[in-house]
Amino acid sequence: MVNYFISQNPIFTVLDIGSGKICCVIAKINKQNNIEILGTGFQESKGIIAGAVTDMKTLEASVRDCLASAEKMASIRVKEIILGFSSVDCFSEVFNIEIDLTGSIIKEADLEKSYEQLFNELSLDNRRILHVIPVQYSIDGNSGIKNPIGMYGNKLGVEISVVSTAENVIKNYESLIKLCDLEIKEVIFKPYSLGHSVLSNEEKDLGTALVDVGAELTSVSIFIYGEMVFTRIIPMGGNLVTKDISKIFSLSLLDSERIKIINGQLIEEIENSLSIIEVSSLGDENFTDSIEITRKDLISVIKPRIVEIINAINNEITNSSYGSAIVNRIVLTGGVSQTEGLIELISNVTNKKARLARSKIISGIPENMKGAAFSVVNSMLYYSIIENKDIKHNKKSKNFESINIYNSYIKFKKWLLENF
């Protein structure tokens, strides 16, 4: 089943603004509910650091260039986009709601009542809600129920995961998109769409930590009972490794990134440890002052930083209330996940089983956008053709749309009482 925000218009555009690159895909849902790719584009990100806008005009130019490439290929003028979003200010909270039923059969109206109660209790000052996800239901204390409609009970309980972000951060993105003469049709929290794309149903049910290591940010999201129940964003990523290589060996960031991608590894092989990587030094455009780096020395720079990132990941998992429910499994994605030896290292450091994510690649995506570094934009496409449980997207009433208005009213009322 196609997502409700796609069903109204078969042609849609997804935009992923990352700290390393910007990706745009224009696609169409055909009559068989399959995706057809009409146009693609990607561009280096400028004017954004760790998910926060640092230079609006520069970032606008990057987004416009990316969008222009996709529009040219598709011969379509894009007016609205589905935005992939993530920042260090994003996190999730789980709420438990219980309502009385008086022994009657459970109907859709009872679920609406429980959601209404959440709305009345929910107050997130200066935060914007991105997703509202029912995780599981309970009837008279019996948990683990996925769909209670048609059952009898005296009390209905709902466990709901709410994903939110700082209001001002998302406002900056909204201003950016407006400057690009676009409208935002929907905002998707990127780790949420990733989980529904790269995790199996069993992994989502039994408990898995999904880790996406990007350029500036690393997301850690825990899925259990089929849904995302925990997420945190760590302000660390692959760019730290690039900068370490640049500083230690006095290389340009461009050369350092290239060496990291082509030669980066974490397992020292005796026969290759002394093999030489030759590269020009910083500022030497004519390659007259080359630097020779052994693979052993390169590993000695890369590995400590990667271990630091892994320890930060492990701390988030351990400190979450779901740490014991992970069932020893971590699924890894993002560009850094392709570093040779990373799966073995993360398994050793965390004492958990790990595997590389396998993205569901949409037919028609260019070869250069099929790798792990493009897993987010592929997941956003896949998310558009699946049915999801997000109340904020699927609920017919507009209660959750008005939570932010309600919170603003409460703050205004408080201000009036304090000042008059």
Protein backbone atom coordinates (compact mmCIF):
# COMPACT_ATOMS: atom_id res chain seq x y z
CA MET A 1 0.00 0.00 0.00
CA VAL A 2 1.26 3.45 -0.92
CA ASN A 3 1.81 6.02 1.82
CA TYR A 4 -1.06 8.50 2.13
CA PHE A 5 1.11 11.51 1.29
CA ILE A 6 2.12 9.85 -2.02
CA SER A 7 -1.31 8.50 -3.00
CA GLN A 8 -2.63 11.98 -3.82
CA ASN A 9 0.07 12.58 -6.44
CA PRO A 10 1.90 9.76 -8.26
CA ILE A 11 4.95 11.98 -8.94
CA PHE A 12 7.00 12.92 -5.89
CA THR A 13 10.46 14.15 -4.96
CA VAL A 14 12.62 13.09 -2.01
CA LEU A 15 15.44 15.32 -0.80
CA ASP A 16 18.15 14.21 1.61
CA ILE A 17 20.27 17.10 2.92
CA GLY A 18 23.25 15.51 4.63
CA SER A 19 26.39 17.06 6.08
CA GLY A 20 28.52 15.42 3.38
CA LYS A 21 26.23 15.45 0.35
CA ILE A 22 22.77 16.36 -0.86
CA CYS A 23 20.71 13.79 -2.79
CA CYS A 24 17.53 14.35 -4.77
CA VAL A 25 15.35 11.80 -6.56
CA ILE A 26 12.23 12.51 -8.60
CA ALA A 27 10.07 9.41 -8.90
CA LYS A 28 6.66 8.19 -9.98
CA ILE A 29 4.31 5.55 -8.59
CA ASN A 30 2.96 3.56 -11.52
CA LYS A 31 -0.35 1.71 -11.72
CA GLN A 32 1.27 -1.41 -10.25
CA ASN A 33 2.35 0.65 -7.20
CA ASN A 34 5.99 0.31 -8.23
CA ILE A 35 8.46 3.18 -8.29
CA GLU A 36 9.81 4.57 -11.55
CA ILE A 37 12.85 6.85 -11.31
CA LEU A 38 12.46 10.00 -13.39
CA GLY A 39 15.47 12.03 -12.32
CA THR A 40 18.36 12.02 -9.84
CA GLY A 41 21.00 14.41 -8.60
CA PHE A 42 23.59 14.70 -5.86
CA GLN A 43 25.86 17.49 -4.81
CA GLU A 44 28.50 18.19 -2.17
CA SER A 45 26.98 19.81 0.92
CA LYS A 46 28.16 23.29 1.79
CA GLY A 47 26.79 25.50 4.54
CA ILE A 48 25.77 22.72 6.92
CA ILE A 49 27.64 21.07 9.79
CA ALA A 50 26.34 18.12 11.83
CA GLY A 51 22.81 18.63 10.54
CA ALA A 52 22.69 22.33 11.50
CA VAL A 53 22.52 25.08 8.91
CA THR A 54 25.61 27.32 9.20
CA ASP A 55 25.36 29.34 5.96
CA MET A 56 21.88 29.64 4.47
CA LYS A 57 22.89 31.17 1.13
CA THR A 58 25.69 28.66 0.50
CA LEU A 59 23.45 25.71 1.38
CA GLU A 60 20.69 27.12 -0.81
CA ALA A 61 23.07 27.12 -3.77
CA SER A 62 24.01 23.48 -3.10
CA VAL A 63 20.36 22.42 -2.88
CA ARG A 64 19.46 24.32 -6.05
CA ASP A 65 22.33 22.70 -7.99
CA CYS A 66 21.29 19.23 -6.81
CA LEU A 67 17.65 19.87 -7.62
CA ALA A 68 18.50 21.28 -11.07
CA SER A 69 20.31 18.06 -12.01
CA ALA A 70 17.29 15.94 -11.10
CA GLU A 71 14.83 18.31 -12.78
CA LYS A 72 16.86 18.36 -16.00
CA MET A 73 16.91 14.56 -16.16
CA ALA A 74 13.19 14.27 -15.39
CA SER A 75 12.09 17.29 -17.47
CA ILE A 76 9.92 18.28 -14.53
CA ARG A 77 9.74 21.43 -12.42
CA VAL A 78 9.64 20.38 -8.76
CA LYS A 79 7.31 22.39 -6.50
CA GLU A 80 7.25 20.31 -3.31
CA ILE A 81 9.53 17.78 -1.69
CA ILE A 82 9.57 15.07 0.98
CA LEU A 83 12.46 16.05 3.23
CA GLY A 84 14.77 13.60 4.97
CA PHE A 85 15.79 15.12 8.28
CA SER A 86 18.19 14.36 11.12
CA SER A 87 20.10 16.49 13.65
CA VAL A 88 21.74 16.15 17.05
CA ASP A 89 18.55 17.64 18.55
CA CYS A 90 16.39 14.67 17.49
CA PHE A 91 15.35 12.08 20.04
CA SER A 92 12.44 9.79 20.87
CA GLU A 93 10.33 9.30 23.98
CA VAL A 94 7.96 6.45 24.79
CA PHE A 95 4.59 7.23 26.40
CA ASN A 96 2.19 4.72 27.96
CA ILE A 97 -1.51 5.57 27.72
CA GLU A 98 -4.37 3.64 29.34
CA ILE A 99 -8.13 4.14 28.91
CA ASP A 100 -11.21 2.41 30.39
CA LEU A 101 -13.34 0.22 28.14
CA THR A 102 -16.00 -1.19 30.53
CA GLY A 103 -15.82 -4.65 28.97
CA SER A 104 -16.99 -3.65 25.52
CA ILE A 105 -15.53 -4.69 22.18
CA ILE A 106 -12.61 -2.52 21.09
CA LYS A 107 -13.28 -0.28 18.09
CA GLU A 108 -11.33 2.25 16.08
CA ALA A 109 -12.96 4.96 18.19
CA ASP A 110 -11.25 3.54 21.29
CA LEU A 111 -7.86 3.85 19.62
CA GLU A 112 -8.75 7.41 18.67
CA LYS A 113 -9.62 8.06 22.31
CA SER A 114 -6.23 6.79 23.48
CA TYR A 115 -4.46 8.95 20.92
CA GLU A 116 -6.55 11.90 22.06
CA GLN A 117 -5.41 11.30 25.62
CA LEU A 118 -1.80 11.31 24.47
CA PHE A 119 -2.47 14.62 22.74
CA ASN A 120 -3.87 16.08 25.95
CA GLU A 121 -0.90 14.90 28.04
CA LEU A 122 1.84 15.68 25.53
CA SER A 123 3.67 18.96 26.02
CA LEU A 124 7.02 19.35 24.28
CA ASP A 125 8.19 22.93 24.70
CA ASN A 126 10.07 24.34 21.71
CA ARG A 127 10.05 20.99 19.93
CA ARG A 128 8.50 19.77 16.69
CA ILE A 129 6.95 16.32 16.48
CA LEU A 130 8.15 14.29 13.48
CA HIS A 131 6.55 10.88 14.08
CA VAL A 132 3.99 9.40 16.48
CA ILE A 133 4.28 5.61 16.39
CA PRO A 134 2.13 3.07 18.30
CA VAL A 135 4.55 0.32 19.33
CA GLN A 136 2.23 -2.19 20.97
CA TYR A 137 -1.10 -2.46 22.76
CA SER A 138 -2.23 -4.21 25.92
CA ILE A 139 -5.64 -5.36 27.11
CA ASP A 140 -6.20 -5.74 30.86
CA GLY A 141 -2.44 -5.82 31.39
CA ASN A 142 -1.73 -8.41 28.69
CA SER A 143 0.89 -6.80 26.41
CA GLY A 144 2.31 -7.63 22.99
CA ILE A 145 -0.93 -7.03 21.08
CA LYS A 146 -0.41 -5.53 17.63
CA ASN A 147 -4.05 -4.88 16.69
CA PRO A 148 -6.65 -4.86 19.49
CA ILE A 149 -9.68 -4.04 17.30
CA GLY A 150 -12.39 -6.69 17.71
CA MET A 151 -11.15 -7.86 21.13
CA TYR A 152 -12.88 -7.45 24.51
CA GLY A 153 -11.41 -5.86 27.63
CA ASN A 154 -11.83 -3.46 30.51
CA LYS A 155 -8.63 -1.45 29.98
CA LEU A 156 -6.77 -0.63 26.79
CA GLY A 157 -3.09 0.32 27.03
CA VAL A 158 -1.02 1.84 24.23
CA GLU A 159 2.76 2.23 24.13
CA ILE A 160 3.59 5.09 21.77
CA SER A 161 6.98 6.31 20.55
CA VAL A 162 7.18 10.04 19.78
CA VAL A 163 10.09 11.38 17.70
CA SER A 164 10.75 15.11 17.94
CA THR A 165 13.36 17.75 17.23
CA ALA A 166 14.17 21.32 18.24
CA GLU A 167 11.67 23.75 16.75
CA ASN A 168 14.28 26.28 15.61
CA VAL A 169 16.39 23.67 13.83
CA ILE A 170 13.50 22.50 11.67
CA LYS A 171 12.46 26.12 11.07
CA ASN A 172 15.87 26.76 9.51
CA TYR A 173 15.25 23.89 7.09
CA GLU A 174 11.82 25.25 6.29
CA SER A 175 13.34 28.67 5.54
CA LEU A 176 15.95 27.00 3.34
CA ILE A 177 13.35 25.09 1.32
CA LYS A 178 11.28 28.26 0.93
CA LEU A 179 14.34 30.12 -0.39
CA CYS A 180 14.64 27.36 -3.02
CA ASP A 181 11.05 28.14 -4.13
CA LEU A 182 9.83 24.81 -2.81
CA GLU A 183 7.30 23.55 -0.29
CA ILE A 184 7.77 20.70 2.19
CA LYS A 185 5.10 18.06 1.75
CA GLU A 186 6.38 15.87 4.57
CA VAL A 187 9.38 15.55 6.88
CA ILE A 188 10.75 12.05 7.49
CA PHE A 189 13.21 11.25 10.27
CA LYS A 190 15.91 9.47 8.30
CA PRO A 191 16.73 6.66 10.78
CA TYR A 192 13.00 5.77 10.86
CA SER A 193 12.79 5.25 7.09
CA LEU A 194 16.16 3.45 7.16
CA GLY A 195 14.91 0.93 9.70
CA HIS A 196 11.90 0.00 7.59
CA SER A 197 14.13 -0.37 4.56
CA VAL A 198 17.21 -2.27 5.74
CA LEU A 199 15.94 -4.34 8.71
CA SER A 200 14.06 -7.60 8.33
CA ASN A 201 10.70 -8.03 10.08
CA GLU A 202 12.32 -10.46 12.52
CA GLU A 203 15.08 -7.99 13.38
CA LYS A 204 12.51 -5.27 14.03
CA ASP A 205 10.41 -7.60 16.18
CA LEU A 206 13.15 -9.22 18.26
CA GLY A 207 15.30 -6.16 18.85
CA THR A 208 18.08 -4.60 16.77
CA ALA A 209 20.23 -1.51 16.95
CA LEU A 210 20.46 0.24 13.58
CA VAL A 211 23.57 2.42 13.26
CA ASP A 212 24.07 4.89 10.41
CA VAL A 213 27.56 6.44 10.37
CA GLY A 214 27.42 9.55 8.21
CA ALA A 215 29.88 12.34 7.49
CA GLU A 216 29.19 14.41 10.62
CA LEU A 217 26.48 12.48 12.47
CA THR A 218 25.98 8.91 13.65
CA SER A 219 22.45 7.77 14.43
CA VAL A 220 21.70 4.95 16.86
CA SER A 221 18.13 3.64 16.67
CA ILE A 222 16.65 0.66 18.46
CA PHE A 223 13.78 -1.27 16.88
CA ILE A 224 11.72 -3.79 18.84
CA TYR A 225 8.10 -5.03 18.61
CA GLY A 226 8.32 -3.98 14.95
CA GLU A 227 8.86 -0.26 15.57
CA MET A 228 11.49 2.30 16.55
CA VAL A 229 11.46 2.82 20.32
CA PHE A 230 14.74 4.67 20.87
CA THR A 231 16.92 7.02 18.85
CA ARG A 232 19.86 9.28 19.54
CA ILE A 233 22.14 11.24 17.24
CA ILE A 234 25.88 11.36 18.04
CA PRO A 235 27.81 14.38 16.67
CA MET A 236 30.60 12.21 15.27
CA GLY A 237 31.16 10.71 11.83
CA GLY A 238 33.50 9.86 9.00
CA ASN A 239 34.70 13.44 8.53
CA LEU A 240 36.61 13.14 11.82
CA VAL A 241 38.68 10.36 10.28
CA THR A 242 39.29 12.47 7.17
CA LYS A 243 40.47 15.41 9.28
CA ASP A 244 42.76 13.15 11.35
CA ILE A 245 44.44 11.87 8.17
CA SER A 246 44.79 15.43 6.89
CA LYS A 247 46.37 16.73 10.10
CA ILE A 248 48.71 13.82 10.80
CA PHE A 249 50.08 13.47 7.24
CA SER A 250 49.71 17.14 6.16
CA LEU A 251 47.39 16.36 3.26
CA SER A 252 44.47 18.22 1.69
CA LEU A 253 41.00 17.19 2.87
CA LEU A 254 40.22 16.01 -0.67
CA ASP A 255 43.25 13.70 -0.78
CA SER A 256 42.57 12.54 2.79
CA GLU A 257 38.99 11.61 1.91
CA ARG A 258 40.15 9.75 -1.18
CA ILE A 259 42.76 7.80 0.80
CA LYS A 260 40.19 6.96 3.47
CA ILE A 261 37.75 5.57 0.91
CA ILE A 262 40.24 3.70 -1.27
CA ASN A 263 42.88 2.57 1.23
CA GLY A 264 41.15 2.77 4.60
CA GLN A 265 41.04 -0.44 6.62
CA LEU A 266 41.12 -1.51 10.25
CA ILE A 267 42.79 -4.92 10.10
CA GLU A 268 46.55 -4.92 9.66
CA GLU A 269 47.72 -7.57 7.24
CA ILE A 270 51.38 -8.47 7.75
CA GLU A 271 52.12 -8.86 4.05
CA ASN A 272 50.62 -5.42 3.23
CA SER A 273 51.50 -3.45 6.36
CA LEU A 274 54.55 -1.83 4.77
CA SER A 275 53.00 -1.19 1.36
CA ILE A 276 53.30 2.45 0.32
CA ILE A 277 50.59 4.97 -0.53
CA GLU A 278 52.04 7.95 -2.38
CA VAL A 279 50.23 11.29 -2.34
CA SER A 280 51.10 14.97 -2.78
CA SER A 281 51.55 17.07 0.36
CA LEU A 282 49.25 19.92 1.31
CA GLY A 283 49.65 22.85 -1.10
CA ASP A 284 51.76 20.87 -3.61
CA GLU A 285 49.60 21.04 -6.72
CA ASN A 286 52.41 19.95 -9.04
CA PHE A 287 53.14 16.73 -7.11
CA THR A 288 56.79 17.75 -6.61
CA ASP A 289 56.82 17.06 -2.87
CA SER A 290 55.09 13.71 -2.50
CA ILE A 291 54.49 11.96 0.80
CA GLU A 292 54.78 8.21 1.30
CA ILE A 293 52.40 6.66 3.82
CA THR A 294 52.57 3.01 4.86
CA ARG A 295 49.31 1.15 5.28
CA LYS A 296 50.35 0.40 8.89
CA ASP A 297 50.68 4.12 9.66
CA LEU A 298 47.33 4.84 8.01
CA ILE A 299 45.61 2.21 10.17
CA SER A 300 47.24 3.70 13.28
CA VAL A 301 45.45 7.00 12.50
CA ILE A 302 42.07 5.61 11.40
CA LYS A 303 41.52 2.93 14.03
CA PRO A 304 41.59 5.03 17.25
CA ARG A 305 38.97 7.42 15.89
CA ILE A 306 36.72 4.58 14.70
CA VAL A 307 37.03 2.91 18.12
CA GLU A 308 36.00 6.21 19.73
CA ILE A 309 32.87 6.34 17.54
CA ILE A 310 32.06 2.69 18.30
CA ASN A 311 32.40 3.31 22.05
CA ALA A 312 29.98 6.24 21.76
CA ILE A 313 27.54 3.98 19.89
CA ASN A 314 27.86 1.26 22.53
CA ASN A 315 27.28 3.78 25.34
CA GLU A 316 24.00 4.94 23.77
CA ILE A 317 22.79 1.35 23.42
CA THR A 318 23.85 0.40 26.95
CA ASN A 319 22.36 3.51 28.55
CA SER A 320 19.01 3.13 26.80
CA SER A 321 16.25 1.33 28.66
CA TYR A 322 16.24 -1.19 25.80
CA GLY A 323 19.89 -2.20 26.07
CA SER A 324 19.08 -5.72 27.27
CA ALA A 325 16.54 -6.22 24.47
CA ILE A 326 18.97 -5.75 21.57
CA VAL A 327 19.39 -9.52 21.18
CA ASN A 328 23.08 -9.09 20.43
CA ARG A 329 22.56 -7.52 17.02
CA ILE A 330 23.78 -4.33 15.37
CA VAL A 331 23.07 -3.47 11.73
CA LEU A 332 25.45 -0.93 10.22
CA THR A 333 24.98 1.41 7.27
CA GLY A 334 26.40 4.67 5.92
CA GLY A 335 29.57 5.35 3.94
CA VAL A 336 31.95 4.52 6.81
CA SER A 337 30.32 1.08 7.18
CA GLN A 338 32.23 -0.04 4.08
CA THR A 339 35.61 0.32 5.83
CA GLU A 340 37.37 -3.02 5.71
CA GLY A 341 37.41 -4.70 9.13
CA LEU A 342 34.72 -2.48 10.70
CA ILE A 343 32.18 -5.28 11.27
CA GLU A 344 34.78 -7.38 13.11
CA LEU A 345 35.92 -4.37 15.16
CA ILE A 346 32.41 -3.29 16.19
CA SER A 347 31.59 -6.89 17.18
CA ASN A 348 34.73 -7.08 19.34
CA VAL A 349 34.22 -3.70 21.03
CA THR A 350 30.47 -4.09 21.71
CA ASN A 351 30.44 -7.87 22.19
CA LYS A 352 27.44 -8.04 19.85
CA LYS A 353 26.87 -9.61 16.46
CA ALA A 354 27.00 -7.12 13.61
CA ARG A 355 26.21 -7.12 9.92
CA LEU A 356 26.19 -4.65 7.06
CA ALA A 357 22.80 -3.31 6.03
CA ARG A 358 21.48 -4.36 2.67
CA SER A 359 19.43 -1.53 1.24
CA LYS A 360 16.37 -2.26 -0.87
CA ILE A 361 17.54 -0.71 -4.11
CA ILE A 362 14.80 0.83 -6.22
CA SER A 363 14.93 -0.19 -9.89
CA GLY A 364 16.25 2.63 -12.04
CA ILE A 365 18.55 4.19 -9.43
CA PRO A 366 21.93 5.01 -11.06
CA GLU A 367 24.84 2.71 -10.21
CA ASN A 368 26.67 5.51 -8.40
CA MET A 369 23.73 5.91 -5.98
CA LYS A 370 23.35 2.25 -5.00
CA GLY A 371 26.05 2.07 -2.33
CA ALA A 372 25.76 2.30 1.45
CA ALA A 373 26.56 6.02 1.30
CA PHE A 374 23.21 6.52 -0.45
CA SER A 375 21.17 4.21 1.79
CA VAL A 376 19.09 7.09 3.21
CA VAL A 377 17.71 8.36 -0.09
CA ASN A 378 16.96 4.77 -1.18
CA SER A 379 15.16 4.15 2.13
CA MET A 380 13.06 7.29 1.67
CA LEU A 381 11.92 5.98 -1.71
CA TYR A 382 11.08 2.58 -0.25
CA TYR A 383 9.27 4.20 2.69
CA SER A 384 6.98 5.94 0.20
CA ILE A 385 5.47 2.65 -1.05
CA ILE A 386 4.94 0.83 2.25
CA GLU A 387 2.19 1.12 4.80
CA ASN A 388 3.40 2.44 8.14
CA LYS A 389 1.88 2.90 11.59
CA ASP A 390 2.80 6.56 12.03
CA ILE A 391 -0.29 8.24 13.49
CA LYS A 392 0.94 11.69 12.51
CA HIS A 393 0.90 10.63 8.86
CA ASN A 394 -2.06 8.26 8.78
CA LYS A 395 -4.51 9.62 11.35
CA LYS A 396 -7.46 11.30 9.68
CA SER A 397 -7.99 13.83 12.48
CA LYS A 398 -5.59 16.74 12.75
CA ASN A 399 -4.98 16.49 16.50
CA PHE A 400 -1.29 15.81 16.18
CA GLU A 401 -0.93 18.51 13.58
CA SER A 402 -2.13 20.98 16.20
CA ILE A 403 0.07 19.89 19.11
CA ASN A 404 2.58 22.65 18.37
CA ILE A 405 -0.24 25.21 18.15
CA TYR A 406 -1.56 23.95 21.47
CA ASN A 407 1.87 24.23 23.10
CA SER A 408 2.22 27.77 21.77
CA TYR A 409 -1.16 28.65 23.24
CA ILE A 410 -0.11 27.28 26.66
CA LYS A 411 3.10 29.34 26.62
CA PHE A 412 1.17 32.47 25.57
CA LYS A 413 -1.37 31.93 28.33
CA LYS A 414 1.43 31.49 30.87
CA TRP A 415 3.03 34.73 29.64
CA LEU A 416 -0.27 36.61 30.04
CA LEU A 417 -0.71 35.35 33.60
CA GLU A 418 2.83 36.34 34.53
CA ASN A 419 2.73 39.81 32.99
CA PHE A 420 -0.86 41.07 33.55
